[in-house]
């Protein structure tokens, strides 16, 4: 879950409430990914200091949910510890 976010082209795309982000990479200080919902910017930097792992309740809430994005529906799949996901 993240609030602070920066995109090289769009600038500050932070949110006031914690929102779900997909993380694909990292640097020493940032997670790199994208918001699950919104304008669809890729390679967004989420500072590690203001981003946290999902709580067990949030995993239950989001895992398996459908999200409409781009030209289709996507199922959110959150890896569990036994799948190598680190939750």
PDB file of N, CA and C in Angstrom:
ATOM      1  N   UNK A   1       0.860  -1.161   0.000  1.00  0.00           N
ATOM      2  CA  UNK A   1       0.000   0.000   0.000  1.00  0.00           C
ATOM      3  C   UNK A   1       0.904   1.221   0.000  1.00  0.00           C
ATOM      4  N   UNK A   2       0.554   2.182  -0.819  1.00  0.00           N
ATOM      5  CA  UNK A   2       1.407   3.359  -0.975  1.00  0.00           C
ATOM      6  C   UNK A   2       0.564   4.632  -0.940  1.00  0.00           C
ATOM      7  N   UNK A   3       1.226   5.725  -0.617  1.00  0.00           N
ATOM      8  CA  UNK A   3       0.606   7.045  -0.712  1.00  0.00           C
ATOM      9  C   UNK A   3       1.473   7.957  -1.579  1.00  0.00           C
ATOM     10  N   UNK A   4       2.751   8.032  -1.297  1.00  0.00           N
ATOM     11  CA  UNK A   4       3.661   8.893  -2.051  1.00  0.00           C
ATOM     12  C   UNK A   4       4.077   8.177  -3.333  1.00  0.00           C
ATOM     13  N   UNK A   5       4.088   8.915  -4.453  1.00  0.00           N
ATOM     14  CA  UNK A   5       4.462   8.336  -5.737  1.00  0.00           C
ATOM     15  C   UNK A   5       4.990   9.427  -6.661  1.00  0.00           C
ATOM     16  N   UNK A   6       6.017   9.083  -7.424  1.00  0.00           N
ATOM     17  CA  UNK A   6       6.594  10.038  -8.360  1.00  0.00           C
ATOM     18  C   UNK A   6       6.824   9.353  -9.703  1.00  0.00           C
ATOM     19  N   UNK A   7       6.456  10.065 -10.777  1.00  0.00           N
ATOM     20  CA  UNK A   7       6.680   9.579 -12.135  1.00  0.00           C
ATOM     21  C   UNK A   7       7.571  10.583 -12.848  1.00  0.00           C
ATOM     22  N   UNK A   8       8.548  10.091 -13.615  1.00  0.00           N
ATOM     23  CA  UNK A   8       9.511  10.985 -14.275  1.00  0.00           C
ATOM     24  C   UNK A   8       8.838  12.021 -15.174  1.00  0.00           C
ATOM     25  N   UNK A   9       7.778  11.653 -15.875  1.00  0.00           N
ATOM     26  CA  UNK A   9       7.102  12.581 -16.789  1.00  0.00           C
ATOM     27  C   UNK A   9       5.998  13.374 -16.087  1.00  0.00           C
ATOM     28  N   UNK A  10       5.156  12.675 -15.321  1.00  0.00           N
ATOM     29  CA  UNK A  10       3.980  13.301 -14.717  1.00  0.00           C
ATOM     30  C   UNK A  10       4.276  14.020 -13.400  1.00  0.00           C
ATOM     31  N   UNK A  11       5.390  13.707 -12.780  1.00  0.00           N
ATOM     32  CA  UNK A  11       5.728  14.332 -11.505  1.00  0.00           C
ATOM     33  C   UNK A  11       5.077  13.630 -10.334  1.00  0.00           C
ATOM     34  N   UNK A  12       4.601  14.408  -9.373  1.00  0.00           N
ATOM     35  CA  UNK A  12       4.001  13.871  -8.158  1.00  0.00           C
ATOM     36  C   UNK A  12       2.607  13.327  -8.465  1.00  0.00           C
ATOM     37  N   UNK A  13       2.445  12.015  -8.312  1.00  0.00           N
ATOM     38  CA  UNK A  13       1.133  11.389  -8.509  1.00  0.00           C
ATOM     39  C   UNK A  13       0.714  10.660  -7.226  1.00  0.00           C
ATOM     40  N   UNK A  14       1.066  11.278  -6.105  1.00  0.00           N
ATOM     41  CA  UNK A  14       0.742  10.723  -4.797  1.00  0.00           C
ATOM     42  C   UNK A  14      -0.758  10.738  -4.557  1.00  0.00           C
ATOM     43  N   UNK A  15      -1.171   9.962  -3.554  1.00  0.00           N
ATOM     44  CA  UNK A  15      -2.571   9.894  -3.155  1.00  0.00           C
ATOM     45  C   UNK A  15      -2.680  10.183  -1.665  1.00  0.00           C
ATOM     46  N   UNK A  16      -3.823  10.704  -1.259  1.00  0.00           N
ATOM     47  CA  UNK A  16      -4.001  11.028   0.155  1.00  0.00           C
ATOM     48  C   UNK A  16      -4.299   9.795   0.995  1.00  0.00           C
ATOM     49  N   UNK A  17      -4.962   8.818   0.429  1.00  0.00           N
ATOM     50  CA  UNK A  17      -5.279   7.566   1.122  1.00  0.00           C
ATOM     51  C   UNK A  17      -4.401   6.444   0.580  1.00  0.00           C
ATOM     52  N   UNK A  18      -3.968   5.519   1.435  1.00  0.00           N
ATOM     53  CA  UNK A  18      -3.180   4.383   0.945  1.00  0.00           C
ATOM     54  C   UNK A  18      -3.927   3.635  -0.162  1.00  0.00           C
ATOM     55  N   UNK A  19      -3.201   3.324  -1.237  1.00  0.00           N
ATOM     56  CA  UNK A  19      -3.786   2.642  -2.394  1.00  0.00           C
ATOM     57  C   UNK A  19      -2.896   1.482  -2.815  1.00  0.00           C
ATOM     58  N   UNK A  20      -3.507   0.527  -3.471  1.00  0.00           N
ATOM     59  CA  UNK A  20      -2.810  -0.666  -3.921  1.00  0.00           C
ATOM     60  C   UNK A  20      -1.890  -0.350  -5.097  1.00  0.00           C
ATOM     61  N   UNK A  21      -0.654  -0.810  -5.001  1.00  0.00           N
ATOM     62  CA  UNK A  21       0.326  -0.641  -6.069  1.00  0.00           C
ATOM     63  C   UNK A  21       0.926  -2.000  -6.407  1.00  0.00           C
ATOM     64  N   UNK A  22       1.275  -2.178  -7.673  1.00  0.00           N
ATOM     65  CA  UNK A  22       1.988  -3.369  -8.129  1.00  0.00           C
ATOM     66  C   UNK A  22       3.470  -3.006  -8.166  1.00  0.00           C
ATOM     67  N   UNK A  23       4.288  -3.783  -7.493  1.00  0.00           N
ATOM     68  CA  UNK A  23       5.721  -3.520  -7.425  1.00  0.00           C
ATOM     69  C   UNK A  23       6.447  -4.534  -8.295  1.00  0.00           C
ATOM     70  N   UNK A  24       7.318  -4.037  -9.180  1.00  0.00           N
ATOM     71  CA  UNK A  24       8.022  -4.910 -10.115  1.00  0.00           C
ATOM     72  C   UNK A  24       9.532  -4.869  -9.956  1.00  0.00           C
ATOM     73  N   UNK A  25      10.051  -3.836  -9.280  1.00  0.00           N
ATOM     74  CA  UNK A  25      11.498  -3.681  -9.146  1.00  0.00           C
ATOM     75  C   UNK A  25      11.767  -2.787  -7.949  1.00  0.00           C
ATOM     76  N   UNK A  26      13.035  -2.560  -7.650  1.00  0.00           N
ATOM     77  CA  UNK A  26      13.369  -1.678  -6.548  1.00  0.00           C
ATOM     78  C   UNK A  26      14.756  -1.084  -6.715  1.00  0.00           C
ATOM     79  N   UNK A  27      14.952   0.039  -6.034  1.00  0.00           N
ATOM     80  CA  UNK A  27      16.275   0.641  -5.865  1.00  0.00           C
ATOM     81  C   UNK A  27      16.547   0.617  -4.362  1.00  0.00           C
ATOM     82  N   UNK A  28      17.631   1.233  -3.934  1.00  0.00           N
ATOM     83  CA  UNK A  28      17.911   1.279  -2.498  1.00  0.00           C
ATOM     84  C   UNK A  28      16.817   2.006  -1.729  1.00  0.00           C
ATOM     85  N   UNK A  29      16.201   3.012  -2.331  1.00  0.00           N
ATOM     86  CA  UNK A  29      15.238   3.855  -1.612  1.00  0.00           C
ATOM     87  C   UNK A  29      13.798   3.745  -2.094  1.00  0.00           C
ATOM     88  N   UNK A  30      13.577   3.203  -3.294  1.00  0.00           N
ATOM     89  CA  UNK A  30      12.229   3.183  -3.876  1.00  0.00           C
ATOM     90  C   UNK A  30      11.827   1.802  -4.352  1.00  0.00           C
ATOM     91  N   UNK A  31      10.513   1.559  -4.289  1.00  0.00           N
ATOM     92  CA  UNK A  31       9.902   0.455  -5.019  1.00  0.00           C
ATOM     93  C   UNK A  31       9.493   1.021  -6.368  1.00  0.00           C
ATOM     94  N   UNK A  32       9.605   0.237  -7.428  1.00  0.00           N
ATOM     95  CA  UNK A  32       9.249   0.675  -8.776  1.00  0.00           C
ATOM     96  C   UNK A  32       8.056  -0.151  -9.242  1.00  0.00           C
ATOM     97  N   UNK A  33       7.019   0.541  -9.719  1.00  0.00           N
ATOM     98  CA  UNK A  33       5.831  -0.179 -10.172  1.00  0.00           C
ATOM     99  C   UNK A  33       4.783   0.762 -10.717  1.00  0.00           C
ATOM    100  N   UNK A  34       3.524   0.488 -10.355  1.00  0.00           N
ATOM    101  CA  UNK A  34       2.416   1.286 -10.855  1.00  0.00           C
ATOM    102  C   UNK A  34       1.241   1.161  -9.895  1.00  0.00           C
ATOM    103  N   UNK A  35       0.372   2.155  -9.931  1.00  0.00           N
ATOM    104  CA  UNK A  35      -0.876   2.054  -9.186  1.00  0.00           C
ATOM    105  C   UNK A  35      -1.739   0.993  -9.847  1.00  0.00           C
ATOM    106  N   UNK A  36      -2.532   0.274  -9.084  1.00  0.00           N
ATOM    107  CA  UNK A  36      -3.442  -0.716  -9.660  1.00  0.00           C
ATOM    108  C   UNK A  36      -4.572  -0.014 -10.407  1.00  0.00           C
ATOM    109  N   UNK A  37      -5.041   1.107  -9.877  1.00  0.00           N
ATOM    110  CA  UNK A  37      -6.091   1.869 -10.542  1.00  0.00           C
ATOM    111  C   UNK A  37      -5.591   3.286 -10.811  1.00  0.00           C
ATOM    112  N   UNK A  38      -6.127   3.909 -11.817  1.00  0.00           N
ATOM    113  CA  UNK A  38      -5.735   5.279 -12.120  1.00  0.00           C
ATOM    114  C   UNK A  38      -5.327   5.441 -13.566  1.00  0.00           C
ATOM    115  N   UNK A  39      -4.411   6.367 -13.806  1.00  0.00           N
ATOM    116  CA  UNK A  39      -4.049   6.737 -15.171  1.00  0.00           C
ATOM    117  C   UNK A  39      -3.119   5.762 -15.876  1.00  0.00           C
ATOM    118  N   UNK A  40      -2.533   4.825 -15.188  1.00  0.00           N
ATOM    119  CA  UNK A  40      -1.743   3.797 -15.835  1.00  0.00           C
ATOM    120  C   UNK A  40      -0.290   4.137 -16.094  1.00  0.00           C
ATOM    121  N   UNK A  41       0.283   5.047 -15.324  1.00  0.00           N
ATOM    122  CA  UNK A  41       1.702   5.357 -15.494  1.00  0.00           C
ATOM    123  C   UNK A  41       2.549   4.169 -15.063  1.00  0.00           C
ATOM    124  N   UNK A  42       3.564   3.854 -15.869  1.00  0.00           N
ATOM    125  CA  UNK A  42       4.502   2.786 -15.549  1.00  0.00           C
ATOM    126  C   UNK A  42       5.762   3.383 -14.960  1.00  0.00           C
ATOM    127  N   UNK A  43       6.560   2.551 -14.313  1.00  0.00           N
ATOM    128  CA  UNK A  43       7.833   2.966 -13.716  1.00  0.00           C
ATOM    129  C   UNK A  43       7.655   4.096 -12.708  1.00  0.00           C
ATOM    130  N   UNK A  44       6.626   3.979 -11.903  1.00  0.00           N
ATOM    131  CA  UNK A  44       6.378   4.933 -10.828  1.00  0.00           C
ATOM    132  C   UNK A  44       7.295   4.572  -9.661  1.00  0.00           C
ATOM    133  N   UNK A  45       7.845   5.594  -9.012  1.00  0.00           N
ATOM    134  CA  UNK A  45       8.703   5.391  -7.841  1.00  0.00           C
ATOM    135  C   UNK A  45       7.881   5.616  -6.583  1.00  0.00           C
ATOM    136  N   UNK A  46       7.821   4.575  -5.742  1.00  0.00           N
ATOM    137  CA  UNK A  46       7.147   4.633  -4.460  1.00  0.00           C
ATOM    138  C   UNK A  46       8.224   4.574  -3.382  1.00  0.00           C
ATOM    139  N   UNK A  47       8.440   5.652  -2.624  1.00  0.00           N
ATOM    140  CA  UNK A  47       9.477   5.616  -1.594  1.00  0.00           C
ATOM    141  C   UNK A  47       9.217   4.478  -0.596  1.00  0.00           C
ATOM    142  N   UNK A  48      10.252   3.711  -0.305  1.00  0.00           N
ATOM    143  CA  UNK A  48      10.108   2.608   0.645  1.00  0.00           C
ATOM    144  C   UNK A  48       9.653   3.102   2.013  1.00  0.00           C
ATOM    145  N   UNK A  49      10.053   4.309   2.370  1.00  0.00           N
ATOM    146  CA  UNK A  49       9.705   4.854   3.685  1.00  0.00           C
ATOM    147  C   UNK A  49       8.205   5.108   3.850  1.00  0.00           C
ATOM    148  N   UNK A  50       7.473   5.248   2.743  1.00  0.00           N
ATOM    149  CA  UNK A  50       6.038   5.548   2.824  1.00  0.00           C
ATOM    150  C   UNK A  50       5.183   4.466   2.168  1.00  0.00           C
ATOM    151  N   UNK A  51       5.760   3.299   1.944  1.00  0.00           N
ATOM    152  CA  UNK A  51       5.056   2.186   1.308  1.00  0.00           C
ATOM    153  C   UNK A  51       5.146   0.981   2.232  1.00  0.00           C
ATOM    154  N   UNK A  52       4.057   0.245   2.351  1.00  0.00           N
ATOM    155  CA  UNK A  52       4.065  -0.901   3.260  1.00  0.00           C
ATOM    156  C   UNK A  52       3.451  -2.129   2.599  1.00  0.00           C
ATOM    157  N   UNK A  53       3.774  -3.279   3.160  1.00  0.00           N
ATOM    158  CA  UNK A  53       3.168  -4.529   2.706  1.00  0.00           C
ATOM    159  C   UNK A  53       1.694  -4.547   3.114  1.00  0.00           C
ATOM    160  N   UNK A  54       0.932  -5.363   2.435  1.00  0.00           N
ATOM    161  CA  UNK A  54      -0.480  -5.510   2.758  1.00  0.00           C
ATOM    162  C   UNK A  54      -0.654  -6.232   4.089  1.00  0.00           C
ATOM    163  N   UNK A  55      -1.682  -5.845   4.824  1.00  0.00           N
ATOM    164  CA  UNK A  55      -2.052  -6.582   6.025  1.00  0.00           C
ATOM    165  C   UNK A  55      -2.751  -7.877   5.584  1.00  0.00           C
ATOM    166  N   UNK A  56      -2.855  -8.870   6.467  1.00  0.00           N
ATOM    167  CA  UNK A  56      -3.597 -10.083   6.098  1.00  0.00           C
ATOM    168  C   UNK A  56      -5.033  -9.785   5.653  1.00  0.00           C
ATOM    169  N   UNK A  57      -5.688  -8.833   6.297  1.00  0.00           N
ATOM    170  CA  UNK A  57      -7.049  -8.470   5.885  1.00  0.00           C
ATOM    171  C   UNK A  57      -7.074  -7.874   4.480  1.00  0.00           C
ATOM    172  N   UNK A  58      -6.066  -7.071   4.137  1.00  0.00           N
ATOM    173  CA  UNK A  58      -5.994  -6.481   2.788  1.00  0.00           C
ATOM    174  C   UNK A  58      -5.703  -7.546   1.743  1.00  0.00           C
ATOM    175  N   UNK A  59      -4.878  -8.524   2.087  1.00  0.00           N
ATOM    176  CA  UNK A  59      -4.629  -9.632   1.157  1.00  0.00           C
ATOM    177  C   UNK A  59      -5.939 -10.332   0.850  1.00  0.00           C
ATOM    178  N   UNK A  60      -6.727 -10.624   1.878  1.00  0.00           N
ATOM    179  CA  UNK A  60      -8.024 -11.278   1.680  1.00  0.00           C
ATOM    180  C   UNK A  60      -8.965 -10.407   0.855  1.00  0.00           C
ATOM    181  N   UNK A  61      -8.933  -9.097   1.076  1.00  0.00           N
ATOM    182  CA  UNK A  61      -9.806  -8.172   0.361  1.00  0.00           C
ATOM    183  C   UNK A  61      -9.471  -8.106  -1.127  1.00  0.00           C
ATOM    184  N   UNK A  62      -8.177  -8.004  -1.467  1.00  0.00           N
ATOM    185  CA  UNK A  62      -7.775  -7.763  -2.854  1.00  0.00           C
ATOM    186  C   UNK A  62      -7.494  -9.018  -3.668  1.00  0.00           C
ATOM    187  N   UNK A  63      -7.017 -10.088  -3.052  1.00  0.00           N
ATOM    188  CA  UNK A  63      -6.634 -11.283  -3.810  1.00  0.00           C
ATOM    189  C   UNK A  63      -7.850 -11.867  -4.523  1.00  0.00           C
ATOM    190  N   UNK A  64      -7.732 -12.016  -5.833  1.00  0.00           N
ATOM    191  CA  UNK A  64      -8.812 -12.570  -6.640  1.00  0.00           C
ATOM    192  C   UNK A  64      -9.782 -11.541  -7.196  1.00  0.00           C
ATOM    193  N   UNK A  65      -9.635 -10.291  -6.817  1.00  0.00           N
ATOM    194  CA  UNK A  65     -10.521  -9.232  -7.323  1.00  0.00           C
ATOM    195  C   UNK A  65     -10.238  -8.933  -8.784  1.00  0.00           C
ATOM    196  N   UNK A  66     -11.273  -8.532  -9.493  1.00  0.00           N
ATOM    197  CA  UNK A  66     -11.128  -8.095 -10.876  1.00  0.00           C
ATOM    198  C   UNK A  66     -10.966  -6.586 -10.919  1.00  0.00           C
ATOM    199  N   UNK A  67     -10.050  -6.130 -11.780  1.00  0.00           N
ATOM    200  CA  UNK A  67      -9.825  -4.704 -11.987  1.00  0.00           C
ATOM    201  C   UNK A  67      -9.950  -4.434 -13.475  1.00  0.00           C
ATOM    202  N   UNK A  68     -10.725  -3.408 -13.831  1.00  0.00           N
ATOM    203  CA  UNK A  68     -10.834  -3.014 -15.231  1.00  0.00           C
ATOM    204  C   UNK A  68      -9.729  -2.007 -15.519  1.00  0.00           C
ATOM    205  N   UNK A  69      -8.862  -2.359 -16.463  1.00  0.00           N
ATOM    206  CA  UNK A  69      -7.744  -1.474 -16.815  1.00  0.00           C
ATOM    207  C   UNK A  69      -7.424  -1.646 -18.291  1.00  0.00           C
ATOM    208  N   UNK A  70      -7.119  -0.522 -18.933  1.00  0.00           N
ATOM    209  CA  UNK A  70      -6.776  -0.590 -20.353  1.00  0.00           C
ATOM    210  C   UNK A  70      -7.919  -1.171 -21.146  1.00  0.00           C
ATOM    211  N   UNK A  71      -7.641  -2.265 -21.828  1.00  0.00           N
ATOM    212  CA  UNK A  71      -8.661  -2.858 -22.694  1.00  0.00           C
ATOM    213  C   UNK A  71      -9.184  -4.188 -22.164  1.00  0.00           C
ATOM    214  N   UNK A  72      -9.144  -4.378 -20.845  1.00  0.00           N
ATOM    215  CA  UNK A  72      -9.647  -5.637 -20.352  1.00  0.00           C
ATOM    216  C   UNK A  72      -9.805  -5.681 -18.851  1.00  0.00           C
ATOM    217  N   UNK A  73     -10.203  -6.852 -18.373  1.00  0.00           N
ATOM    218  CA  UNK A  73     -10.311  -7.123 -16.949  1.00  0.00           C
ATOM    219  C   UNK A  73      -9.106  -7.942 -16.517  1.00  0.00           C
ATOM    220  N   UNK A  74      -8.574  -7.606 -15.371  1.00  0.00           N
ATOM    221  CA  UNK A  74      -7.396  -8.295 -14.848  1.00  0.00           C
ATOM    222  C   UNK A  74      -7.712  -8.796 -13.452  1.00  0.00           C
ATOM    223  N   UNK A  75      -7.266  -9.989 -13.150  1.00  0.00           N
ATOM    224  CA  UNK A  75      -7.452 -10.552 -11.817  1.00  0.00           C
ATOM    225  C   UNK A  75      -6.220 -10.253 -10.981  1.00  0.00           C
ATOM    226  N   UNK A  76      -6.431  -9.708  -9.803  1.00  0.00           N
ATOM    227  CA  UNK A  76      -5.327  -9.463  -8.877  1.00  0.00           C
ATOM    228  C   UNK A  76      -4.966 -10.783  -8.214  1.00  0.00           C
ATOM    229  N   UNK A  77      -3.713 -11.149  -8.289  1.00  0.00           N
ATOM    230  CA  UNK A  77      -3.216 -12.347  -7.605  1.00  0.00           C
ATOM    231  C   UNK A  77      -2.071 -11.910  -6.708  1.00  0.00           C
ATOM    232  N   UNK A  78      -2.231 -12.089  -5.424  1.00  0.00           N
ATOM    233  CA  UNK A  78      -1.206 -11.704  -4.464  1.00  0.00           C
ATOM    234  C   UNK A  78      -0.513 -12.970  -3.978  1.00  0.00           C
ATOM    235  N   UNK A  79       0.771 -13.142  -4.328  1.00  0.00           N
ATOM    236  CA  UNK A  79       1.498 -14.334  -3.884  1.00  0.00           C
ATOM    237  C   UNK A  79       1.564 -14.394  -2.363  1.00  0.00           C
ATOM    238  N   UNK A  80       1.396 -15.584  -1.832  1.00  0.00           N
ATOM    239  CA  UNK A  80       1.518 -15.822  -0.386  1.00  0.00           C
ATOM    240  C   UNK A  80       2.917 -16.342  -0.102  1.00  0.00           C
ATOM    241  N   UNK A  81       3.289 -16.422   1.160  1.00  0.00           N
ATOM    242  CA  UNK A  81       4.620 -16.919   1.533  1.00  0.00           C
ATOM    243  C   UNK A  81       4.947 -18.253   0.890  1.00  0.00           C
ATOM    244  N   UNK A  82       3.971 -19.147   0.856  1.00  0.00           N
ATOM    245  CA  UNK A  82       4.234 -20.479   0.302  1.00  0.00           C
ATOM    246  C   UNK A  82       4.365 -20.459  -1.225  1.00  0.00           C
ATOM    247  N   UNK A  83       4.143 -19.291  -1.847  1.00  0.00           N
ATOM    248  CA  UNK A  83       4.332 -19.124  -3.285  1.00  0.00           C
ATOM    249  C   UNK A  83       5.553 -18.254  -3.576  1.00  0.00           C
ATOM    250  N   UNK A  84       6.310 -17.926  -2.566  1.00  0.00           N
ATOM    251  CA  UNK A  84       7.500 -17.090  -2.755  1.00  0.00           C
ATOM    252  C   UNK A  84       7.196 -15.611  -2.801  1.00  0.00           C
ATOM    253  N   UNK A  85       6.062 -15.185  -2.236  1.00  0.00           N
ATOM    254  CA  UNK A  85       5.652 -13.794  -2.337  1.00  0.00           C
ATOM    255  C   UNK A  85       6.015 -12.895  -1.190  1.00  0.00           C
ATOM    256  N   UNK A  86       6.352 -13.437  -0.040  1.00  0.00           N
ATOM    257  CA  UNK A  86       6.789 -12.613   1.052  1.00  0.00           C
ATOM    258  C   UNK A  86       5.683 -11.931   1.844  1.00  0.00           C
ATOM    259  N   UNK A  87       4.446 -12.309   1.696  1.00  0.00           N
ATOM    260  CA  UNK A  87       3.367 -11.720   2.508  1.00  0.00           C
ATOM    261  C   UNK A  87       3.344 -12.341   3.876  1.00  0.00           C
TER     262      UNK A  87
END
